[in-house]
Amino acid sequence: MDKKYFVYIVTSKKNGTLYIGMTNNLRTRISQHKESLIPGFTQKYKVHMLVYFEEYQDVRDAITREKQMKRWKRDWKIQLIESMNPDWKDLFYLL
């Protein structure tokens, strides 16, 4: 079975605090964010809502994309989210 990797953006609310991460198990990772099980930024700022993700087959591609997106201006991140999810719906429930 092929391994999948995900780069994702979670937020506190529409146009709220954004966090970009990478994982090989999107459902589990977002559940951890939602339950505030991960100490640090997402727990402190209540960043629990999955609003964007991309899937990769190669972990190196996912890491490269995560680093690239983290360097982006906030406006670019918002445009990316709204290109896939204009209403900022929580995509976790679609997984």
PDB file of N, CA and C in Angstrom:
ATOM      1  N   MET A   1       0.844  -1.191   0.000  1.00  0.00           N
ATOM      2  CA  MET A   1       0.000   0.000   0.000  1.00  0.00           C
ATOM      3  C   MET A   1       0.881   1.242   0.000  1.00  0.00           C
ATOM      4  N   ASP A   2       0.533   2.191  -0.836  1.00  0.00           N
ATOM      5  CA  ASP A   2       1.287   3.432  -0.912  1.00  0.00           C
ATOM      6  C   ASP A   2       1.012   4.300   0.306  1.00  0.00           C
ATOM      7  N   LYS A   3       2.060   4.891   0.811  1.00  0.00           N
ATOM      8  CA  LYS A   3       1.951   5.824   1.929  1.00  0.00           C
ATOM      9  C   LYS A   3       1.507   7.174   1.388  1.00  0.00           C
ATOM     10  N   LYS A   4       0.657   7.858   2.141  1.00  0.00           N
ATOM     11  CA  LYS A   4       0.208   9.187   1.751  1.00  0.00           C
ATOM     12  C   LYS A   4       0.664  10.186   2.801  1.00  0.00           C
ATOM     13  N   TYR A   5       0.947  11.371   2.347  1.00  0.00           N
ATOM     14  CA  TYR A   5       1.368  12.469   3.227  1.00  0.00           C
ATOM     15  C   TYR A   5       0.500  13.677   2.921  1.00  0.00           C
ATOM     16  N   PHE A   6       0.227  14.449   3.922  1.00  0.00           N
ATOM     17  CA  PHE A   6      -0.674  15.582   3.772  1.00  0.00           C
ATOM     18  C   PHE A   6      -0.041  16.844   4.340  1.00  0.00           C
ATOM     19  N   VAL A   7      -0.210  17.927   3.602  1.00  0.00           N
ATOM     20  CA  VAL A   7       0.093  19.260   4.105  1.00  0.00           C
ATOM     21  C   VAL A   7      -1.275  19.882   4.352  1.00  0.00           C
ATOM     22  N   TYR A   8      -1.445  20.501   5.508  1.00  0.00           N
ATOM     23  CA  TYR A   8      -2.779  20.982   5.860  1.00  0.00           C
ATOM     24  C   TYR A   8      -2.716  22.349   6.530  1.00  0.00           C
ATOM     25  N   ILE A   9      -3.863  23.030   6.497  1.00  0.00           N
ATOM     26  CA  ILE A   9      -4.012  24.297   7.207  1.00  0.00           C
ATOM     27  C   ILE A   9      -5.209  24.160   8.133  1.00  0.00           C
ATOM     28  N   VAL A  10      -4.987  24.480   9.397  1.00  0.00           N
ATOM     29  CA  VAL A  10      -6.076  24.557  10.368  1.00  0.00           C
ATOM     30  C   VAL A  10      -6.174  26.002  10.846  1.00  0.00           C
ATOM     31  N   THR A  11      -7.369  26.361  11.314  1.00  0.00           N
ATOM     32  CA  THR A  11      -7.615  27.731  11.750  1.00  0.00           C
ATOM     33  C   THR A  11      -8.510  27.737  12.984  1.00  0.00           C
ATOM     34  N   SER A  12      -8.548  28.868  13.641  1.00  0.00           N
ATOM     35  CA  SER A  12      -9.409  29.033  14.810  1.00  0.00           C
ATOM     36  C   SER A  12     -10.831  29.400  14.383  1.00  0.00           C
ATOM     37  N   LYS A  13     -10.954  30.105  13.262  1.00  0.00           N
ATOM     38  CA  LYS A  13     -12.240  30.543  12.711  1.00  0.00           C
ATOM     39  C   LYS A  13     -11.958  31.145  11.342  1.00  0.00           C
ATOM     40  N   LYS A  14     -13.006  31.511  10.603  1.00  0.00           N
ATOM     41  CA  LYS A  14     -12.794  32.150   9.306  1.00  0.00           C
ATOM     42  C   LYS A  14     -11.937  33.398   9.489  1.00  0.00           C
ATOM     43  N   ASN A  15     -10.877  33.486   8.691  1.00  0.00           N
ATOM     44  CA  ASN A  15      -9.914  34.586   8.755  1.00  0.00           C
ATOM     45  C   ASN A  15      -9.217  34.696  10.112  1.00  0.00           C
ATOM     46  N   GLY A  16      -9.181  33.602  10.848  1.00  0.00           N
ATOM     47  CA  GLY A  16      -8.533  33.593  12.160  1.00  0.00           C
ATOM     48  C   GLY A  16      -7.075  33.186  12.071  1.00  0.00           C
ATOM     49  N   THR A  17      -6.562  32.751  13.202  1.00  0.00           N
ATOM     50  CA  THR A  17      -5.180  32.288  13.287  1.00  0.00           C
ATOM     51  C   THR A  17      -5.007  31.049  12.416  1.00  0.00           C
ATOM     52  N   LEU A  18      -3.919  30.998  11.640  1.00  0.00           N
ATOM     53  CA  LEU A  18      -3.645  29.869  10.746  1.00  0.00           C
ATOM     54  C   LEU A  18      -2.441  29.082  11.239  1.00  0.00           C
ATOM     55  N   TYR A  19      -2.513  27.761  11.039  1.00  0.00           N
ATOM     56  CA  TYR A  19      -1.379  26.888  11.330  1.00  0.00           C
ATOM     57  C   TYR A  19      -1.232  25.925  10.166  1.00  0.00           C
ATOM     58  N   ILE A  20      -0.004  25.757   9.687  1.00  0.00           N
ATOM     59  CA  ILE A  20       0.290  24.829   8.592  1.00  0.00           C
ATOM     60  C   ILE A  20       1.106  23.671   9.162  1.00  0.00           C
ATOM     61  N   GLY A  21       0.703  22.456   8.811  1.00  0.00           N
ATOM     62  CA  GLY A  21       1.415  21.282   9.282  1.00  0.00           C
ATOM     63  C   GLY A  21       1.499  20.211   8.214  1.00  0.00           C
ATOM     64  N   MET A  22       2.176  19.108   8.557  1.00  0.00           N
ATOM     65  CA  MET A  22       2.343  17.975   7.653  1.00  0.00           C
ATOM     66  C   MET A  22       2.199  16.701   8.462  1.00  0.00           C
ATOM     67  N   THR A  23       1.549  15.696   7.875  1.00  0.00           N
ATOM     68  CA  THR A  23       1.315  14.433   8.576  1.00  0.00           C
ATOM     69  C   THR A  23       1.149  13.297   7.577  1.00  0.00           C
ATOM     70  N   ASN A  24       1.249  12.072   8.069  1.00  0.00           N
ATOM     71  CA  ASN A  24       0.952  10.917   7.223  1.00  0.00           C
ATOM     72  C   ASN A  24      -0.402  10.305   7.594  1.00  0.00           C
ATOM     73  N   ASN A  25      -1.096  10.904   8.573  1.00  0.00           N
ATOM     74  CA  ASN A  25      -2.437  10.443   8.953  1.00  0.00           C
ATOM     75  C   ASN A  25      -3.276  11.675   9.286  1.00  0.00           C
ATOM     76  N   LEU A  26      -3.952  12.192   8.276  1.00  0.00           N
ATOM     77  CA  LEU A  26      -4.661  13.460   8.429  1.00  0.00           C
ATOM     78  C   LEU A  26      -5.790  13.372   9.446  1.00  0.00           C
ATOM     79  N   ARG A  27      -6.574  12.311   9.397  1.00  0.00           N
ATOM     80  CA  ARG A  27      -7.715  12.175  10.316  1.00  0.00           C
ATOM     81  C   ARG A  27      -7.240  12.168  11.774  1.00  0.00           C
ATOM     82  N   THR A  28      -6.225  11.383  12.075  1.00  0.00           N
ATOM     83  CA  THR A  28      -5.708  11.301  13.442  1.00  0.00           C
ATOM     84  C   THR A  28      -5.105  12.631  13.883  1.00  0.00           C
ATOM     85  N   ARG A  29      -4.333  13.242  13.007  1.00  0.00           N
ATOM     86  CA  ARG A  29      -3.667  14.496  13.367  1.00  0.00           C
ATOM     87  C   ARG A  29      -4.682  15.601  13.655  1.00  0.00           C
ATOM     88  N   ILE A  30      -5.708  15.718  12.826  1.00  0.00           N
ATOM     89  CA  ILE A  30      -6.710  16.765  13.046  1.00  0.00           C
ATOM     90  C   ILE A  30      -7.516  16.462  14.305  1.00  0.00           C
ATOM     91  N   SER A  31      -7.773  15.195  14.567  1.00  0.00           N
ATOM     92  CA  SER A  31      -8.445  14.818  15.827  1.00  0.00           C
ATOM     93  C   SER A  31      -7.620  15.280  17.025  1.00  0.00           C
ATOM     94  N   GLN A  32      -6.308  15.115  16.935  1.00  0.00           N
ATOM     95  CA  GLN A  32      -5.422  15.571  18.021  1.00  0.00           C
ATOM     96  C   GLN A  32      -5.516  17.088  18.195  1.00  0.00           C
ATOM     97  N   HIS A  33      -5.570  17.826  17.093  1.00  0.00           N
ATOM     98  CA  HIS A  33      -5.735  19.282  17.176  1.00  0.00           C
ATOM     99  C   HIS A  33      -7.073  19.620  17.832  1.00  0.00           C
ATOM    100  N   LYS A  34      -8.142  18.957  17.394  1.00  0.00           N
ATOM    101  CA  LYS A  34      -9.484  19.250  17.900  1.00  0.00           C
ATOM    102  C   LYS A  34      -9.593  18.980  19.399  1.00  0.00           C
ATOM    103  N   GLU A  35      -8.897  17.966  19.870  1.00  0.00           N
ATOM    104  CA  GLU A  35      -8.958  17.605  21.285  1.00  0.00           C
ATOM    105  C   GLU A  35      -7.868  18.294  22.106  1.00  0.00           C
ATOM    106  N   SER A  36      -7.141  19.225  21.474  1.00  0.00           N
ATOM    107  CA  SER A  36      -6.056  19.978  22.129  1.00  0.00           C
ATOM    108  C   SER A  36      -5.033  19.047  22.781  1.00  0.00           C
ATOM    109  N   LEU A  37      -4.697  17.962  22.107  1.00  0.00           N
ATOM    110  CA  LEU A  37      -3.747  16.983  22.637  1.00  0.00           C
ATOM    111  C   LEU A  37      -2.303  17.349  22.322  1.00  0.00           C
ATOM    112  N   ILE A  38      -2.110  18.330  21.432  1.00  0.00           N
ATOM    113  CA  ILE A  38      -0.765  18.694  21.013  1.00  0.00           C
ATOM    114  C   ILE A  38      -0.387  20.015  21.682  1.00  0.00           C
ATOM    115  N   PRO A  39       0.531  19.962  22.653  1.00  0.00           N
ATOM    116  CA  PRO A  39       0.926  21.200  23.325  1.00  0.00           C
ATOM    117  C   PRO A  39       1.572  22.179  22.347  1.00  0.00           C
ATOM    118  N   GLY A  40       1.382  23.451  22.592  1.00  0.00           N
ATOM    119  CA  GLY A  40       2.034  24.451  21.754  1.00  0.00           C
ATOM    120  C   GLY A  40       1.048  25.365  21.070  1.00  0.00           C
ATOM    121  N   PHE A  41       1.427  25.793  19.876  1.00  0.00           N
ATOM    122  CA  PHE A  41       0.721  26.834  19.140  1.00  0.00           C
ATOM    123  C   PHE A  41      -0.761  26.530  18.946  1.00  0.00           C
ATOM    124  N   THR A  42      -1.081  25.343  18.409  1.00  0.00           N
ATOM    125  CA  THR A  42      -2.483  25.060  18.078  1.00  0.00           C
ATOM    126  C   THR A  42      -3.338  24.929  19.326  1.00  0.00           C
ATOM    127  N   GLN A  43      -2.767  24.428  20.402  1.00  0.00           N
ATOM    128  CA  GLN A  43      -3.496  24.328  21.658  1.00  0.00           C
ATOM    129  C   GLN A  43      -3.734  25.728  22.243  1.00  0.00           C
ATOM    130  N   LYS A  44      -2.699  26.551  22.247  1.00  0.00           N
ATOM    131  CA  LYS A  44      -2.780  27.900  22.808  1.00  0.00           C
ATOM    132  C   LYS A  44      -3.799  28.770  22.076  1.00  0.00           C
ATOM    133  N   TYR A  45      -3.806  28.685  20.738  1.00  0.00           N
ATOM    134  CA  TYR A  45      -4.668  29.556  19.936  1.00  0.00           C
ATOM    135  C   TYR A  45      -5.958  28.883  19.469  1.00  0.00           C
ATOM    136  N   LYS A  46      -6.241  27.675  19.989  1.00  0.00           N
ATOM    137  CA  LYS A  46      -7.469  26.939  19.655  1.00  0.00           C
ATOM    138  C   LYS A  46      -7.673  26.816  18.138  1.00  0.00           C
ATOM    139  N   VAL A  47      -6.612  26.385  17.478  1.00  0.00           N
ATOM    140  CA  VAL A  47      -6.609  26.225  16.028  1.00  0.00           C
ATOM    141  C   VAL A  47      -6.990  24.775  15.728  1.00  0.00           C
ATOM    142  N   HIS A  48      -8.297  24.544  15.503  1.00  0.00           N
ATOM    143  CA  HIS A  48      -8.825  23.186  15.432  1.00  0.00           C
ATOM    144  C   HIS A  48      -9.580  22.856  14.151  1.00  0.00           C
ATOM    145  N   MET A  49      -9.785  23.809  13.281  1.00  0.00           N
ATOM    146  CA  MET A  49     -10.665  23.633  12.133  1.00  0.00           C
ATOM    147  C   MET A  49      -9.848  23.414  10.854  1.00  0.00           C
ATOM    148  N   LEU A  50     -10.008  22.261  10.224  1.00  0.00           N
ATOM    149  CA  LEU A  50      -9.299  21.935   8.981  1.00  0.00           C
ATOM    150  C   LEU A  50      -9.971  22.663   7.821  1.00  0.00           C
ATOM    151  N   VAL A  51      -9.232  23.573   7.179  1.00  0.00           N
ATOM    152  CA  VAL A  51      -9.816  24.344   6.073  1.00  0.00           C
ATOM    153  C   VAL A  51      -9.130  24.090   4.736  1.00  0.00           C
ATOM    154  N   TYR A  52      -7.990  23.391   4.747  1.00  0.00           N
ATOM    155  CA  TYR A  52      -7.281  23.140   3.503  1.00  0.00           C
ATOM    156  C   TYR A  52      -6.326  21.970   3.685  1.00  0.00           C
ATOM    157  N   PHE A  53      -6.179  21.151   2.631  1.00  0.00           N
ATOM    158  CA  PHE A  53      -5.129  20.122   2.646  1.00  0.00           C
ATOM    159  C   PHE A  53      -4.757  19.715   1.232  1.00  0.00           C
ATOM    160  N   GLU A  54      -3.550  19.208   1.114  1.00  0.00           N
ATOM    161  CA  GLU A  54      -3.030  18.652  -0.138  1.00  0.00           C
ATOM    162  C   GLU A  54      -2.441  17.278   0.181  1.00  0.00           C
ATOM    163  N   GLU A  55      -2.511  16.381  -0.782  1.00  0.00           N
ATOM    164  CA  GLU A  55      -2.015  15.013  -0.599  1.00  0.00           C
ATOM    165  C   GLU A  55      -0.778  14.777  -1.458  1.00  0.00           C
ATOM    166  N   TYR A  56       0.191  14.074  -0.884  1.00  0.00           N
ATOM    167  CA  TYR A  56       1.447  13.751  -1.584  1.00  0.00           C
ATOM    168  C   TYR A  56       1.785  12.282  -1.398  1.00  0.00           C
ATOM    169  N   GLN A  57       2.475  11.718  -2.377  1.00  0.00           N
ATOM    170  CA  GLN A  57       2.949  10.341  -2.300  1.00  0.00           C
ATOM    171  C   GLN A  57       4.355  10.262  -1.727  1.00  0.00           C
ATOM    172  N   ASP A  58       5.121  11.339  -1.858  1.00  0.00           N
ATOM    173  CA  ASP A  58       6.518  11.364  -1.427  1.00  0.00           C
ATOM    174  C   ASP A  58       6.660  12.334  -0.252  1.00  0.00           C
ATOM    175  N   VAL A  59       7.201  11.846   0.840  1.00  0.00           N
ATOM    176  CA  VAL A  59       7.336  12.667   2.046  1.00  0.00           C
ATOM    177  C   VAL A  59       8.188  13.909   1.777  1.00  0.00           C
ATOM    178  N   ARG A  60       9.174  13.789   0.914  1.00  0.00           N
ATOM    179  CA  ARG A  60      10.035  14.949   0.613  1.00  0.00           C
ATOM    180  C   ARG A  60       9.249  16.069  -0.063  1.00  0.00           C
ATOM    181  N   ASP A  61       8.326  15.692  -0.940  1.00  0.00           N
ATOM    182  CA  ASP A  61       7.482  16.699  -1.594  1.00  0.00           C
ATOM    183  C   ASP A  61       6.591  17.402  -0.570  1.00  0.00           C
ATOM    184  N   ALA A  62       6.050  16.630   0.354  1.00  0.00           N
ATOM    185  CA  ALA A  62       5.180  17.205   1.385  1.00  0.00           C
ATOM    186  C   ALA A  62       5.956  18.163   2.286  1.00  0.00           C
ATOM    187  N   ILE A  63       7.141  17.771   2.688  1.00  0.00           N
ATOM    188  CA  ILE A  63       7.968  18.630   3.554  1.00  0.00           C
ATOM    189  C   ILE A  63       8.340  19.917   2.829  1.00  0.00           C
ATOM    190  N   THR A  64       8.716  19.787   1.557  1.00  0.00           N
ATOM    191  CA  THR A  64       9.074  20.967   0.755  1.00  0.00           C
ATOM    192  C   THR A  64       7.888  21.918   0.652  1.00  0.00           C
ATOM    193  N   ARG A  65       6.704  21.381   0.387  1.00  0.00           N
ATOM    194  CA  ARG A  65       5.502  22.208   0.254  1.00  0.00           C
ATOM    195  C   ARG A  65       5.136  22.865   1.591  1.00  0.00           C
ATOM    196  N   GLU A  66       5.240  22.130   2.675  1.00  0.00           N
ATOM    197  CA  GLU A  66       4.941  22.703   3.992  1.00  0.00           C
ATOM    198  C   GLU A  66       5.858  23.895   4.271  1.00  0.00           C
ATOM    199  N   LYS A  67       7.147  23.722   4.035  1.00  0.00           N
ATOM    200  CA  LYS A  67       8.106  24.813   4.269  1.00  0.00           C
ATOM    201  C   LYS A  67       7.809  26.003   3.373  1.00  0.00           C
ATOM    202  N   GLN A  68       7.466  25.729   2.113  1.00  0.00           N
ATOM    203  CA  GLN A  68       7.133  26.800   1.173  1.00  0.00           C
ATOM    204  C   GLN A  68       5.928  27.591   1.672  1.00  0.00           C
ATOM    205  N   MET A  69       4.867  26.902   2.047  1.00  0.00           N
ATOM    206  CA  MET A  69       3.641  27.567   2.485  1.00  0.00           C
ATOM    207  C   MET A  69       3.857  28.363   3.776  1.00  0.00           C
ATOM    208  N   LYS A  70       4.698  27.866   4.649  1.00  0.00           N
ATOM    209  CA  LYS A  70       4.962  28.582   5.900  1.00  0.00           C
ATOM    210  C   LYS A  70       5.662  29.915   5.661  1.00  0.00           C
ATOM    211  N   ARG A  71       6.369  30.032   4.542  1.00  0.00           N
ATOM    212  CA  ARG A  71       7.054  31.283   4.205  1.00  0.00           C
ATOM    213  C   ARG A  71       6.133  32.291   3.517  1.00  0.00           C
ATOM    214  N   TRP A  72       4.984  31.837   3.078  1.00  0.00           N
ATOM    215  CA  TRP A  72       4.063  32.700   2.339  1.00  0.00           C
ATOM    216  C   TRP A  72       3.501  33.820   3.199  1.00  0.00           C
ATOM    217  N   LYS A  73       3.096  34.890   2.518  1.00  0.00           N
ATOM    218  CA  LYS A  73       2.349  35.962   3.170  1.00  0.00           C
ATOM    219  C   LYS A  73       0.960  35.431   3.531  1.00  0.00           C
ATOM    220  N   ARG A  74       0.389  36.007   4.565  1.00  0.00           N
ATOM    221  CA  ARG A  74      -0.939  35.587   5.024  1.00  0.00           C
ATOM    222  C   ARG A  74      -1.976  35.662   3.897  1.00  0.00           C
ATOM    223  N   ASP A  75      -1.940  36.732   3.107  1.00  0.00           N
ATOM    224  CA  ASP A  75      -2.902  36.888   2.010  1.00  0.00           C
ATOM    225  C   ASP A  75      -2.847  35.709   1.040  1.00  0.00           C
ATOM    226  N   TRP A  76      -1.661  35.213   0.751  1.00  0.00           N
ATOM    227  CA  TRP A  76      -1.515  34.078  -0.160  1.00  0.00           C
ATOM    228  C   TRP A  76      -2.145  32.826   0.435  1.00  0.00           C
ATOM    229  N   LYS A  77      -1.953  32.638   1.731  1.00  0.00           N
ATOM    230  CA  LYS A  77      -2.538  31.473   2.410  1.00  0.00           C
ATOM    231  C   LYS A  77      -4.061  31.544   2.352  1.00  0.00           C
ATOM    232  N   ILE A  78      -4.604  32.728   2.588  1.00  0.00           N
ATOM    233  CA  ILE A  78      -6.060  32.908   2.547  1.00  0.00           C
ATOM    234  C   ILE A  78      -6.583  32.646   1.137  1.00  0.00           C
ATOM    235  N   GLN A  79      -5.890  33.135   0.119  1.00  0.00           N
ATOM    236  CA  GLN A  79      -6.302  32.878  -1.270  1.00  0.00           C
ATOM    237  C   GLN A  79      -6.288  31.379  -1.571  1.00  0.00           C
ATOM    238  N   LEU A  80      -5.278  30.687  -1.077  1.00  0.00           N
ATOM    239  CA  LEU A  80      -5.188  29.237  -1.287  1.00  0.00           C
ATOM    240  C   LEU A  80      -6.374  28.529  -0.635  1.00  0.00           C
ATOM    241  N   ILE A  81      -6.672  28.865   0.607  1.00  0.00           N
ATOM    242  CA  ILE A  81      -7.820  28.266   1.312  1.00  0.00           C
ATOM    243  C   ILE A  81      -9.098  28.517   0.527  1.00  0.00           C
ATOM    244  N   GLU A  82      -9.309  29.773   0.145  1.00  0.00           N
ATOM    245  CA  GLU A  82     -10.566  30.135  -0.508  1.00  0.00           C
ATOM    246  C   GLU A  82     -10.692  29.582  -1.918  1.00  0.00           C
ATOM    247  N   SER A  83      -9.575  29.190  -2.540  1.00  0.00           N
ATOM    248  CA  SER A  83      -9.643  28.564  -3.868  1.00  0.00           C
ATOM    249  C   SER A  83     -10.259  27.167  -3.774  1.00  0.00           C
ATOM    250  N   MET A  84     -10.098  26.504  -2.632  1.00  0.00           N
ATOM    251  CA  MET A  84     -10.630  25.158  -2.440  1.00  0.00           C
ATOM    252  C   MET A  84     -11.863  25.170  -1.537  1.00  0.00           C
ATOM    253  N   ASN A  85     -11.911  26.114  -0.623  1.00  0.00           N
ATOM    254  CA  ASN A  85     -12.916  26.105   0.445  1.00  0.00           C
ATOM    255  C   ASN A  85     -13.383  27.547   0.714  1.00  0.00           C
ATOM    256  N   PRO A  86     -14.151  28.126  -0.228  1.00  0.00           N
ATOM    257  CA  PRO A  86     -14.514  29.544  -0.113  1.00  0.00           C
ATOM    258  C   PRO A  86     -15.335  29.876   1.136  1.00  0.00           C
ATOM    259  N   ASP A  87     -16.042  28.912   1.675  1.00  0.00           N
ATOM    260  CA  ASP A  87     -16.869  29.161   2.862  1.00  0.00           C
ATOM    261  C   ASP A  87     -16.156  28.803   4.164  1.00  0.00           C
ATOM    262  N   TRP A  88     -14.903  28.392   4.073  1.00  0.00           N
ATOM    263  CA  TRP A  88     -14.098  28.024   5.254  1.00  0.00           C
ATOM    264  C   TRP A  88     -14.806  26.942   6.087  1.00  0.00           C
ATOM    265  N   LYS A  89     -15.388  25.962   5.411  1.00  0.00           N
ATOM    266  CA  LYS A  89     -16.028  24.852   6.129  1.00  0.00           C
ATOM    267  C   LYS A  89     -14.961  23.965   6.749  1.00  0.00           C
ATOM    268  N   ASP A  90     -15.315  23.300   7.837  1.00  0.00           N
ATOM    269  CA  ASP A  90     -14.404  22.362   8.486  1.00  0.00           C
ATOM    270  C   ASP A  90     -14.386  21.079   7.666  1.00  0.00           C
ATOM    271  N   LEU A  91     -13.285  20.841   6.957  1.00  0.00           N
ATOM    272  CA  LEU A  91     -13.170  19.700   6.050  1.00  0.00           C
ATOM    273  C   LEU A  91     -12.937  18.378   6.773  1.00  0.00           C
ATOM    274  N   PHE A  92     -12.690  18.430   8.060  1.00  0.00           N
ATOM    275  CA  PHE A  92     -12.455  17.204   8.836  1.00  0.00           C
ATOM    276  C   PHE A  92     -13.628  16.236   8.677  1.00  0.00           C
ATOM    277  N   TYR A  93     -14.820  16.771   8.644  1.00  0.00           N
ATOM    278  CA  TYR A  93     -16.018  15.921   8.590  1.00  0.00           C
ATOM    279  C   TYR A  93     -16.239  15.304   7.220  1.00  0.00           C
ATOM    280  N   LEU A  94     -15.432  15.681   6.246  1.00  0.00           N
ATOM    281  CA  LEU A  94     -15.499  15.078   4.915  1.00  0.00           C
ATOM    282  C   LEU A  94     -14.455  13.981   4.721  1.00  0.00           C
ATOM    283  N   LEU A  95     -13.567  13.809   5.695  1.00  0.00           N
ATOM    284  CA  LEU A  95     -12.496  12.807   5.581  1.00  0.00           C
ATOM    285  C   LEU A  95     -13.036  11.410   5.761  1.00  0.00           C
TER     286      LEU A  95
END
